[in-house]
Amino acid sequence: MKIWNRQLGDRVSNITYHYLPAFRWRNFRLFFGGQLLSLSGTFMTQQLTIPWLVYDLTNSAWLLGVAGFVQFLPTLLLIPFSGVLSDRWSRRELLMLVQILGIGVSLALTILTFTNWITFPILLILSVLNGLLKGLDMPVRHTIVTETVDDRADWSNAIALNSVMLSSSSVLGPAMGGILIGTLGVKYCFLYDTLSYIPAILTLLAMRLKARPTQTLTNLSDTFEKLREGFEYVSHFQPIRAILLILALQGLVGMSHIALMPVFASKILNGDATTMAHLSTSAPIGSLLACLYLSVRRGIVGLERLIVVAQALIGMSTISFSLSRQVGLSIIILVFVGCFAILLITSSNMIIQTLVAEDKRGRVMSFYALAMVGMMPFGNLLAGTLADNFGATNALIVCGSMSILGSLWFSTQLPAVSRWIASQTNLFSLEKLN
């Protein structure tokens, strides 16, 4: 019996490693598991608990947009410097620092909500701190993935599975958050978030990464010089510039439904916290399905065309969601929104990380994060302002239309992007043969 069980286990492992080769590497398995638990708490807090608490405290769509702006503005300011640090220092140590500081912010939210001392201004201050940590975290989290996998051939699979982990966390977190809010209250969401940092820290400590050459930044001018080099690289190199610009548009208007989710859940669909949780979970389910497709896809050739299609469908789905007045239909539409969004975001990530030079990886990925997440404060403010003046439905119609126009623009950039992907892919194939 034991022999049969061992043989069955070996067969399952072989099948898993064939289709998901990144799981062959111990460091990646540790990173995947620890971050899956930790980020479920993060997404619970950022996507569901804080927006719901803000709207509950203020009952204002405009202040909801302001809160989103305040939360992500520090991210916008810090991300470029985080990319420089990621290229020069240990990425594991930087990520551990973020986890430790994150516990402090989450613990403060837990204590304030348990004691009923939480107010809107205090929530804004803690949101700023969360934004600072996210700005430090994002480029490091993206670039460390390739360090956990020793074979470059498995990088694209690791990047896709990292997106699976992010999407799974964004499904698990809001789903549990909706249950906790409906049964125990928002304070237990913050408590869960606090505890979820522990497995992330333990798995980071257990990882055995290869030593990577690191350099100390001697002064502030050295930091700005490295930042300037990274900016010149992404701004002058047309294929990367085009991908980053379409991501910036996605961050500005493609995520607008998230900022207005409490308004649609409570006012337009006449729901409650449970409705909010169902809506918040729907898009990540679609994201997870897209990530599973990308994780078993081989290579990056053709992903640039997928970006064009995904961007157009994001716009169409956003407009459809804005016009829906049925909870069930809205949930189905948001599944498609999440699917198309992750196809765009992860395809861009896979192309850039697979082809960019290692010594510029951190800085390029900081601009990747800046293009997408750094634009979200302005997107939240734009969505909140449009909703306050013209209604939430019209706000999403405008944002969806802009997404469709962005797809038309990126289609004009395809020839140059496709040539770059083909040339770099052929180069790597020759290097592997030699």
Protein backbone atom coordinates (compact mmCIF):
# COMPACT_ATOMS: atom_id res chain seq x y z
CA MET A 1 0.00 0.00 0.00
CA LYS A 2 2.80 2.38 0.93
CA ILE A 3 4.61 1.56 -2.32
CA TRP A 4 1.42 2.20 -4.34
CA ASN A 5 0.87 5.53 -2.55
CA ARG A 6 4.48 6.51 -3.22
CA GLN A 7 4.15 5.62 -6.90
CA LEU A 8 0.89 7.58 -7.16
CA GLY A 9 2.55 10.56 -5.46
CA ASP A 10 5.50 10.40 -7.85
CA ARG A 11 3.17 10.24 -10.84
CA VAL A 12 1.21 13.27 -9.65
CA SER A 13 4.45 15.16 -9.00
CA ASN A 14 5.78 14.34 -12.47
CA ILE A 15 2.57 15.55 -14.12
CA THR A 16 2.59 18.72 -12.00
CA TYR A 17 6.23 19.50 -12.78
CA HIS A 18 5.67 18.86 -16.50
CA TYR A 19 2.85 21.38 -16.81
CA LEU A 20 3.95 23.68 -13.95
CA PRO A 21 7.76 23.39 -13.98
CA ALA A 22 8.31 26.30 -11.57
CA PHE A 23 7.05 24.06 -8.75
CA ARG A 24 10.16 21.90 -9.19
CA TRP A 25 12.08 24.52 -7.25
CA ARG A 26 11.87 24.48 -3.44
CA ASN A 27 12.36 28.23 -3.10
CA PHE A 28 9.45 28.94 -5.42
CA ARG A 29 7.16 26.55 -3.53
CA LEU A 30 7.98 28.30 -0.26
CA PHE A 31 7.48 31.74 -1.77
CA PHE A 32 4.19 30.72 -3.40
CA GLY A 33 2.69 29.21 -0.24
CA GLY A 34 3.76 31.93 2.19
CA GLN A 35 2.71 34.82 0.00
CA LEU A 36 -0.62 33.17 -0.86
CA LEU A 37 -1.65 33.30 2.81
CA SER A 38 -0.18 36.73 3.48
CA LEU A 39 -1.68 38.42 0.43
CA SER A 40 -5.13 37.01 1.15
CA GLY A 41 -5.14 39.26 4.21
CA THR A 42 -3.77 42.18 2.22
CA PHE A 43 -6.45 41.90 -0.47
CA MET A 44 -9.13 41.43 2.16
CA THR A 45 -8.10 44.72 3.72
CA GLN A 46 -7.43 46.78 0.59
CA GLN A 47 -10.20 45.58 -1.73
CA LEU A 48 -13.03 45.04 0.74
CA THR A 49 -12.55 46.08 4.36
CA ILE A 50 -11.09 49.58 4.03
CA PRO A 51 -13.41 50.69 1.16
CA TRP A 52 -16.44 49.33 3.01
CA LEU A 53 -15.37 51.01 6.25
CA VAL A 54 -14.72 54.32 4.45
CA TYR A 55 -18.15 54.29 2.83
CA ASP A 56 -19.75 53.22 6.11
CA LEU A 57 -18.09 56.14 7.93
CA THR A 58 -18.71 58.81 5.26
CA ASN A 59 -21.52 57.62 2.94
CA SER A 60 -19.79 59.62 0.16
CA ALA A 61 -18.70 58.36 -3.27
CA TRP A 62 -16.31 61.31 -3.60
CA LEU A 63 -14.60 60.61 -0.25
CA LEU A 64 -14.37 56.96 -1.31
CA GLY A 65 -12.39 58.12 -4.35
CA VAL A 66 -10.29 60.43 -2.19
CA ALA A 67 -9.47 57.55 0.16
CA GLY A 68 -8.33 55.43 -2.78
CA PHE A 69 -6.23 58.33 -4.05
CA VAL A 70 -4.60 58.88 -0.65
CA GLN A 71 -3.93 55.18 -0.22
CA PHE A 72 -2.12 54.77 -3.55
CA LEU A 73 -0.40 58.15 -3.90
CA PRO A 74 2.54 57.14 -1.63
CA THR A 75 2.88 54.02 -3.79
CA LEU A 76 3.33 56.26 -6.82
CA LEU A 77 6.09 58.24 -5.10
CA LEU A 78 8.07 55.32 -3.66
CA ILE A 79 7.92 52.68 -6.41
CA PRO A 80 10.78 54.09 -8.58
CA PHE A 81 13.16 54.19 -5.61
CA SER A 82 12.14 50.67 -4.65
CA GLY A 83 13.22 49.52 -8.10
CA VAL A 84 16.67 51.01 -7.56
CA LEU A 85 16.94 49.27 -4.18
CA SER A 86 15.79 46.00 -5.76
CA ASP A 87 18.66 46.14 -8.26
CA ARG A 88 21.25 46.96 -5.57
CA TRP A 89 20.24 45.15 -2.34
CA SER A 90 18.98 41.74 -1.24
CA ARG A 91 15.41 41.39 -2.44
CA ARG A 92 14.57 38.87 0.26
CA GLU A 93 15.69 41.23 3.01
CA LEU A 94 13.68 44.09 1.48
CA LEU A 95 10.58 41.90 1.27
CA MET A 96 11.00 40.77 4.87
CA LEU A 97 11.26 44.40 5.98
CA VAL A 98 7.95 45.13 4.26
CA GLN A 99 6.28 42.17 5.98
CA ILE A 100 7.48 43.26 9.42
CA LEU A 101 6.37 46.86 8.94
CA GLY A 102 3.08 45.63 7.52
CA ILE A 103 2.30 43.79 10.74
CA GLY A 104 2.62 47.07 12.62
CA VAL A 105 0.13 48.93 10.41
CA SER A 106 -2.34 46.04 10.39
CA LEU A 107 -2.07 45.65 14.19
CA ALA A 108 -2.88 49.35 14.61
CA LEU A 109 -6.02 48.94 12.48
CA THR A 110 -6.99 45.89 14.51
CA ILE A 111 -6.64 47.66 17.85
CA LEU A 112 -8.47 50.80 16.67
CA THR A 113 -11.43 48.85 15.30
CA PHE A 114 -11.68 46.57 18.34
CA THR A 115 -11.73 49.64 20.62
CA ASN A 116 -14.09 51.62 18.31
CA TRP A 117 -11.58 54.47 18.09
CA ILE A 118 -11.33 54.32 14.29
CA THR A 119 -12.28 57.52 12.41
CA PHE A 120 -12.06 58.57 8.78
CA PRO A 121 -8.97 60.81 9.28
CA ILE A 122 -7.15 58.03 11.18
CA LEU A 123 -8.07 55.59 8.43
CA LEU A 124 -6.59 57.95 5.85
CA ILE A 125 -3.31 58.19 7.79
CA LEU A 126 -2.99 54.43 8.04
CA SER A 127 -3.88 54.14 4.36
CA VAL A 128 -0.92 56.41 3.57
CA LEU A 129 1.36 54.06 5.53
CA ASN A 130 -0.08 51.09 3.65
CA GLY A 131 0.62 52.91 0.40
CA LEU A 132 4.24 53.50 1.36
CA LEU A 133 4.71 49.81 2.13
CA LYS A 134 3.06 48.81 -1.14
CA GLY A 135 5.38 51.12 -3.04
CA LEU A 136 8.39 49.40 -1.49
CA ASP A 137 6.88 45.95 -1.92
CA MET A 138 5.71 45.71 -5.53
CA PRO A 139 8.93 45.85 -7.60
CA VAL A 140 10.68 43.58 -5.10
CA ARG A 141 7.85 41.04 -5.15
CA HIS A 142 7.91 40.88 -8.96
CA THR A 143 11.69 40.66 -9.37
CA ILE A 144 12.37 38.09 -6.64
CA VAL A 145 10.28 35.52 -8.52
CA THR A 146 13.06 34.86 -11.04
CA GLU A 147 15.52 34.32 -8.16
CA THR A 148 13.42 31.47 -6.79
CA VAL A 149 13.74 29.51 -10.07
CA ASP A 150 17.21 28.42 -11.23
CA ASP A 151 16.36 27.54 -14.84
CA ARG A 152 15.58 30.50 -17.10
CA ALA A 153 13.31 28.27 -19.19
CA ASP A 154 10.94 28.08 -16.21
CA TRP A 155 10.78 31.85 -15.66
CA SER A 156 7.66 32.48 -17.72
CA ASN A 157 5.85 29.71 -15.83
CA ALA A 158 7.01 31.14 -12.48
CA ILE A 159 5.80 34.62 -13.46
CA ALA A 160 2.43 33.24 -14.53
CA LEU A 161 2.11 31.18 -11.33
CA ASN A 162 3.00 34.26 -9.32
CA SER A 163 -0.02 35.88 -10.93
CA VAL A 164 -2.05 32.77 -10.05
CA MET A 165 -0.99 33.28 -6.44
CA LEU A 166 -1.96 36.95 -6.54
CA SER A 167 -5.32 36.16 -8.11
CA SER A 168 -6.00 33.30 -5.70
CA SER A 169 -5.25 35.60 -2.78
CA SER A 170 -7.55 38.26 -4.19
CA VAL A 171 -10.33 35.64 -4.41
CA LEU A 172 -9.70 34.09 -1.01
CA GLY A 173 -9.26 37.37 0.87
CA PRO A 174 -12.46 39.23 -0.09
CA ALA A 175 -14.49 36.00 0.12
CA MET A 176 -13.40 35.43 3.71
CA GLY A 177 -13.72 39.17 4.37
CA GLY A 178 -17.37 39.19 3.31
CA ILE A 179 -18.09 36.30 5.70
CA LEU A 180 -16.21 37.98 8.55
CA ILE A 181 -17.91 41.36 8.03
CA GLY A 182 -21.34 39.74 7.84
CA THR A 183 -20.84 37.62 10.97
CA LEU A 184 -18.20 39.18 13.25
CA GLY A 185 -17.48 42.66 11.87
CA VAL A 186 -14.64 44.47 10.08
CA LYS A 187 -12.33 44.28 13.11
CA TYR A 188 -11.81 40.55 12.56
CA CYS A 189 -10.74 41.21 8.98
CA PHE A 190 -7.90 43.38 10.29
CA LEU A 191 -7.03 40.70 12.86
CA TYR A 192 -6.78 38.08 10.12
CA ASP A 193 -4.57 40.39 8.07
CA THR A 194 -2.23 40.85 11.04
CA LEU A 195 -1.85 37.11 11.58
CA SER A 196 -1.41 36.38 7.86
CA TYR A 197 1.99 38.08 7.78
CA ILE A 198 3.53 35.38 9.99
CA PRO A 199 3.69 32.54 7.39
CA ALA A 200 5.16 34.95 4.82
CA ILE A 201 8.03 35.85 7.16
CA LEU A 202 8.68 32.20 8.08
CA THR A 203 8.80 31.01 4.46
CA LEU A 204 11.11 33.86 3.45
CA LEU A 205 13.47 32.83 6.24
CA ALA A 206 13.38 29.21 5.03
CA MET A 207 14.31 30.06 1.42
CA ARG A 208 17.89 29.34 0.30
CA LEU A 209 18.58 31.75 -2.53
CA LYS A 210 21.78 31.93 -4.54
CA ALA A 211 23.99 34.86 -3.67
CA ARG A 212 23.40 37.79 -6.00
CA PRO A 213 25.93 40.59 -6.49
CA THR A 214 24.74 43.63 -4.56
CA GLN A 215 26.06 47.17 -4.39
CA THR A 216 25.60 49.86 -1.81
CA LEU A 217 24.24 53.20 -2.90
CA THR A 218 26.83 55.70 -1.72
CA ASN A 219 24.68 58.84 -1.71
CA LEU A 220 21.40 60.34 -2.87
CA SER A 221 22.84 61.53 -6.18
CA ASP A 222 23.89 57.94 -6.96
CA THR A 223 20.28 56.84 -6.35
CA PHE A 224 18.88 59.47 -8.69
CA GLU A 225 21.50 58.60 -11.33
CA LYS A 226 20.39 54.94 -11.30
CA LEU A 227 16.79 56.08 -11.44
CA ARG A 228 17.59 58.29 -14.44
CA GLU A 229 19.27 55.37 -16.24
CA GLY A 230 16.18 53.23 -15.75
CA PHE A 231 13.86 55.99 -16.96
CA GLU A 232 15.93 56.60 -20.10
CA TYR A 233 15.91 52.88 -20.86
CA VAL A 234 12.12 52.47 -20.66
CA SER A 235 11.32 55.82 -22.30
CA HIS A 236 13.65 55.44 -25.30
CA PHE A 237 13.00 51.74 -25.99
CA GLN A 238 9.74 51.72 -27.97
CA PRO A 239 8.48 48.15 -27.24
CA ILE A 240 8.77 48.54 -23.47
CA ARG A 241 7.45 52.10 -23.62
CA ALA A 242 4.35 50.95 -25.51
CA ILE A 243 3.63 48.15 -23.04
CA LEU A 244 4.08 50.48 -20.06
CA LEU A 245 1.76 53.09 -21.58
CA ILE A 246 -1.05 50.58 -22.11
CA LEU A 247 -0.57 49.43 -18.51
CA ALA A 248 -0.78 53.04 -17.35
CA LEU A 249 -4.11 53.39 -19.13
CA GLN A 250 -5.30 50.20 -17.46
CA GLY A 251 -4.33 51.61 -14.07
CA LEU A 252 -6.10 54.89 -14.82
CA VAL A 253 -9.44 53.65 -16.17
CA GLY A 254 -9.40 49.84 -16.29
CA MET A 255 -9.71 49.43 -12.52
CA SER A 256 -12.35 52.11 -12.01
CA HIS A 257 -15.03 49.57 -11.13
CA ILE A 258 -13.06 48.66 -7.99
CA ALA A 259 -13.10 52.24 -6.70
CA LEU A 260 -16.87 52.46 -7.18
CA MET A 261 -17.70 48.94 -5.99
CA PRO A 262 -19.31 50.05 -2.68
CA VAL A 263 -21.58 52.44 -4.60
CA PHE A 264 -22.74 49.72 -7.00
CA ALA A 265 -23.13 47.17 -4.20
CA SER A 266 -25.24 49.34 -1.88
CA LYS A 267 -26.95 51.97 -4.05
CA ILE A 268 -27.33 50.61 -7.57
CA LEU A 269 -27.74 46.89 -6.79
CA ASN A 270 -29.42 47.53 -3.41
CA GLY A 271 -27.13 45.09 -1.58
CA ASP A 272 -25.05 44.91 1.59
CA ALA A 273 -21.59 43.78 2.71
CA THR A 274 -22.26 40.28 1.40
CA THR A 275 -23.10 41.71 -2.03
CA MET A 276 -19.89 43.72 -1.89
CA ALA A 277 -17.93 40.56 -1.09
CA HIS A 278 -19.54 38.65 -3.99
CA LEU A 279 -18.74 41.45 -6.42
CA SER A 280 -15.19 41.86 -5.08
CA THR A 281 -14.55 38.12 -5.46
CA SER A 282 -15.95 37.83 -8.99
CA ALA A 283 -13.17 39.63 -10.87
CA PRO A 284 -10.39 37.69 -9.08
CA ILE A 285 -12.09 34.41 -10.07
CA GLY A 286 -11.79 35.49 -13.70
CA SER A 287 -8.21 36.53 -13.02
CA LEU A 288 -7.45 33.09 -11.63
CA LEU A 289 -8.84 31.38 -14.74
CA ALA A 290 -6.69 33.62 -16.97
CA CYS A 291 -3.60 32.90 -14.88
CA LEU A 292 -4.15 29.16 -15.11
CA TYR A 293 -4.24 29.48 -18.89
CA LEU A 294 -1.06 31.55 -18.96
CA SER A 295 0.72 29.19 -16.54
CA VAL A 296 0.45 26.23 -18.94
CA ARG A 297 1.16 28.34 -22.03
CA ARG A 298 4.67 27.91 -23.42
CA GLY A 299 6.73 30.95 -24.37
CA ILE A 300 5.81 34.59 -24.86
CA VAL A 301 5.42 34.78 -28.64
CA GLY A 302 1.94 36.07 -29.46
CA LEU A 303 1.25 37.60 -26.06
CA GLU A 304 1.46 41.10 -27.53
CA ARG A 305 -1.62 40.38 -29.69
CA LEU A 306 -3.41 39.05 -26.62
CA ILE A 307 -2.81 42.44 -24.97
CA VAL A 308 -4.72 44.25 -27.74
CA VAL A 309 -7.73 41.94 -27.50
CA ALA A 310 -7.77 41.97 -23.69
CA GLN A 311 -7.65 45.78 -23.51
CA ALA A 312 -10.66 46.14 -25.83
CA LEU A 313 -12.66 43.51 -23.95
CA ILE A 314 -11.90 45.19 -20.61
CA GLY A 315 -13.58 48.34 -21.92
CA MET A 316 -16.61 46.49 -23.25
CA SER A 317 -17.05 44.50 -20.03
CA THR A 318 -16.72 47.63 -17.87
CA ILE A 319 -19.48 49.35 -19.83
CA SER A 320 -21.64 46.23 -19.55
CA PHE A 321 -21.16 46.13 -15.78
CA SER A 322 -22.14 49.76 -15.45
CA LEU A 323 -25.46 49.07 -17.19
CA SER A 324 -26.34 45.92 -15.25
CA ARG A 325 -28.99 46.11 -12.53
CA GLN A 326 -28.98 42.43 -11.55
CA VAL A 327 -26.51 41.11 -8.99
CA GLY A 328 -26.09 37.77 -10.76
CA LEU A 329 -25.40 39.38 -14.13
CA SER A 330 -23.00 41.87 -12.55
CA ILE A 331 -21.05 39.01 -10.96
CA ILE A 332 -20.76 37.19 -14.31
CA ILE A 333 -19.59 40.35 -16.09
CA LEU A 334 -16.96 41.02 -13.41
CA VAL A 335 -15.57 37.51 -13.92
CA PHE A 336 -14.84 38.51 -17.52
CA VAL A 337 -13.42 41.88 -16.41
CA GLY A 338 -10.97 40.09 -14.11
CA CYS A 339 -10.05 37.55 -16.77
CA PHE A 340 -9.25 40.14 -19.44
CA ALA A 341 -7.43 42.40 -16.96
CA ILE A 342 -5.05 39.68 -15.82
CA LEU A 343 -4.43 38.57 -19.41
CA LEU A 344 -3.26 42.13 -20.11
CA ILE A 345 -1.26 42.62 -16.91
CA THR A 346 0.41 39.20 -16.71
CA SER A 347 1.18 39.01 -20.43
CA SER A 348 2.95 42.36 -20.11
CA ASN A 349 4.84 41.10 -17.05
CA MET A 350 5.91 37.90 -18.80
CA ILE A 351 7.18 39.76 -21.87
CA ILE A 352 9.15 42.35 -19.94
CA GLN A 353 10.68 40.08 -17.29
CA THR A 354 11.68 37.41 -19.79
CA LEU A 355 13.48 39.81 -22.11
CA VAL A 356 14.85 42.66 -19.98
CA ALA A 357 18.53 42.74 -18.89
CA GLU A 358 19.13 41.45 -15.34
CA ASP A 359 20.99 44.55 -14.17
CA LYS A 360 17.95 46.69 -15.05
CA ARG A 361 15.23 44.27 -13.96
CA GLY A 362 14.36 45.97 -10.68
CA ARG A 363 14.14 49.45 -12.20
CA VAL A 364 12.14 48.31 -15.22
CA MET A 365 9.71 46.41 -13.00
CA SER A 366 9.39 49.49 -10.79
CA PHE A 367 8.18 51.41 -13.84
CA TYR A 368 5.93 48.45 -14.66
CA ALA A 369 4.37 48.74 -11.18
CA LEU A 370 4.34 52.52 -11.47
CA ALA A 371 2.51 52.42 -14.79
CA MET A 372 -0.24 50.22 -13.42
CA VAL A 373 -0.62 50.69 -9.66
CA GLY A 374 0.92 54.17 -9.61
CA MET A 375 -1.87 55.41 -11.87
CA MET A 376 -4.58 53.95 -9.66
CA PRO A 377 -4.71 56.95 -7.26
CA PHE A 378 -5.57 59.17 -10.20
CA GLY A 379 -7.97 56.54 -11.50
CA ASN A 380 -9.73 56.38 -8.12
CA LEU A 381 -9.94 60.16 -7.98
CA LEU A 382 -11.18 60.33 -11.59
CA ALA A 383 -13.82 57.64 -10.98
CA GLY A 384 -14.99 59.23 -7.73
CA THR A 385 -15.21 62.71 -9.29
CA LEU A 386 -17.09 61.47 -12.38
CA ALA A 387 -19.46 59.44 -10.20
CA ASP A 388 -20.12 62.38 -7.89
CA ASN A 389 -20.94 64.70 -10.79
CA PHE A 390 -22.48 62.42 -13.42
CA GLY A 391 -23.37 59.21 -11.56
CA ALA A 392 -21.50 55.92 -11.14
CA THR A 393 -22.99 54.40 -14.29
CA ASN A 394 -21.81 57.22 -16.55
CA ALA A 395 -18.41 57.22 -14.85
CA LEU A 396 -17.78 53.60 -15.85
CA ILE A 397 -19.07 54.19 -19.38
CA VAL A 398 -16.46 56.93 -19.84
CA CYS A 399 -13.68 54.74 -18.38
CA GLY A 400 -14.68 51.75 -20.52
CA SER A 401 -14.69 53.85 -23.67
CA MET A 402 -11.18 55.08 -22.91
CA SER A 403 -10.01 51.46 -22.54
CA ILE A 404 -11.34 50.62 -26.00
CA LEU A 405 -9.56 53.63 -27.52
CA GLY A 406 -6.36 52.49 -25.81
CA SER A 407 -6.64 49.10 -27.50
CA LEU A 408 -6.87 50.77 -30.90
CA TRP A 409 -3.73 52.78 -30.15
CA PHE A 410 -1.71 49.75 -28.98
CA SER A 411 -2.62 47.88 -32.17
CA THR A 412 -0.57 50.50 -34.06
CA GLN A 413 2.46 49.63 -31.89
CA LEU A 414 2.28 45.88 -32.50
CA PRO A 415 4.79 45.55 -35.38
CA ALA A 416 7.70 46.97 -33.34
CA VAL A 417 6.78 44.97 -30.21
CA SER A 418 6.45 41.73 -32.19
CA ARG A 419 9.83 42.23 -33.89
CA TRP A 420 11.51 42.78 -30.51
CA ILE A 421 9.96 39.65 -29.00
CA ALA A 422 10.94 37.53 -32.01
CA SER A 423 14.54 38.79 -32.07
CA GLN A 424 15.10 38.35 -28.35
CA THR A 425 13.47 34.92 -28.29
CA ASN A 426 15.72 33.73 -31.13
CA LEU A 427 18.75 35.12 -29.30
CA PHE A 428 17.97 33.22 -26.12
CA SER A 429 17.38 30.03 -28.11
CA LEU A 430 20.83 30.36 -29.72
CA GLU A 431 22.48 30.97 -26.35
CA LYS A 432 20.86 27.85 -24.92
CA LEU A 433 22.06 25.74 -27.83
CA ASN A 434 25.62 27.00 -27.40
